[in-house]
C-alpha cells in the first residue's frame, strides 16, 4: 500500500475551505496524483483512499482541525 503523507501546509490550505459546501475534498500527492479524499458530507470528516479504505479522520479543535489515523496517532493539523 502506498504511504499517504500530507504536509501541514497542504492540509492547512485544504482545511481553509472547510466551510465550502463540497461533498468531497480531493487530496493530491506531491506529484499531483489524486490519492485520497475527505468525505465532507460525513459528519466525521473521514479520509478515504480511492479504493474506499478509510485511513484517517478530522477532529474539530475550535476553528481548526487535527487529523488522526484510525490507529489513534495524531497526523497533523
Protein backbone atom coordinates (compact mmCIF):
# COMPACT_ATOMS: atom_id res chain seq x y z
CA UNK A 1 0.00 0.00 0.00
CA UNK A 2 1.28 3.43 -0.88
CA UNK A 3 2.06 5.52 2.19
CA UNK A 4 -0.02 8.68 2.27
CA UNK A 5 1.74 11.75 3.60
CA UNK A 6 0.06 15.12 3.77
CA UNK A 7 2.18 18.12 4.68
CA UNK A 8 0.93 20.61 7.23
CA UNK A 9 0.82 23.37 4.63
CA UNK A 10 -1.28 21.36 2.20
CA UNK A 11 -3.61 20.28 4.99
CA UNK A 12 -3.98 23.87 6.18
CA UNK A 13 -4.91 25.03 2.68
CA UNK A 14 -7.45 22.25 2.28
CA UNK A 15 -8.99 22.88 5.67
CA UNK A 16 -9.24 26.58 4.90
CA UNK A 17 -12.07 25.67 2.56
CA UNK A 18 -13.97 23.59 5.13
CA UNK A 19 -16.91 25.97 5.04
CA UNK A 20 -17.47 25.34 1.33
CA UNK A 21 -20.49 23.12 0.73
CA UNK A 22 -18.45 20.44 -1.06
CA UNK A 23 -19.37 16.77 -0.83
CA UNK A 24 -15.79 15.64 -1.25
CA UNK A 25 -12.33 17.19 -0.99
CA UNK A 26 -9.66 15.50 -3.10
CA UNK A 27 -6.14 15.13 -1.67
CA UNK A 28 -3.14 15.05 -4.00
CA UNK A 29 0.40 13.79 -3.51
CA UNK A 30 3.49 15.85 -4.36
CA UNK A 31 3.34 14.63 -7.98
CA UNK A 32 -0.22 15.87 -8.46
CA UNK A 33 -1.81 12.43 -8.33
CA UNK A 34 -5.17 12.19 -6.55
CA UNK A 35 -4.58 9.69 -3.73
CA UNK A 36 -7.36 10.20 -1.21
CA UNK A 37 -10.46 12.21 -0.45
CA UNK A 38 -12.29 13.66 2.54
CA UNK A 39 -16.00 12.86 2.71
CA UNK A 40 -17.27 16.33 3.65
CA UNK A 41 -20.87 15.13 3.73
CA UNK A 42 -19.94 12.76 6.57
CA UNK A 43 -20.16 14.43 9.99
CA UNK A 44 -16.92 12.64 10.95
CA UNK A 45 -14.90 14.10 8.03
CA UNK A 46 -13.40 10.71 7.23
CA UNK A 47 -10.38 10.46 4.89
CA UNK A 48 -10.59 7.58 2.38
CA UNK A 49 -8.17 6.15 -0.15
CA UNK A 50 -9.67 5.88 -3.64
CA UNK A 51 -10.25 2.16 -3.13
CA UNK A 52 -12.68 3.06 -0.33
CA UNK A 53 -10.38 2.21 2.59
CA UNK A 54 -10.89 4.66 5.49
CA UNK A 55 -7.47 5.79 6.77
CA UNK A 56 -7.99 8.84 8.98
CA UNK A 57 -10.48 11.35 10.31
CA UNK A 58 -10.54 15.05 11.11
CA UNK A 59 -11.35 16.30 14.58
CA UNK A 60 -12.54 19.88 15.04
CA UNK A 61 -10.50 21.90 17.51
CA UNK A 62 -12.20 25.30 17.57
CA UNK A 63 -11.71 26.89 14.15
CA UNK A 64 -9.05 24.34 13.11
CA UNK A 65 -8.90 20.61 12.51
CA UNK A 66 -6.50 17.91 13.66
CA UNK A 67 -6.04 14.72 11.64
CA UNK A 68 -5.85 11.33 13.35
CA UNK A 69 -5.25 7.89 11.92
CA UNK A 70 -7.66 5.14 12.95
CA UNK A 71 -4.74 3.76 14.95
CA UNK A 72 -5.08 6.82 17.22
CA UNK A 73 -1.90 8.56 16.05
CA UNK A 74 -2.03 12.33 15.57
CA UNK A 75 -1.04 13.02 11.95
CA UNK A 76 -1.14 16.82 11.86
CA UNK A 77 -3.22 19.95 11.89
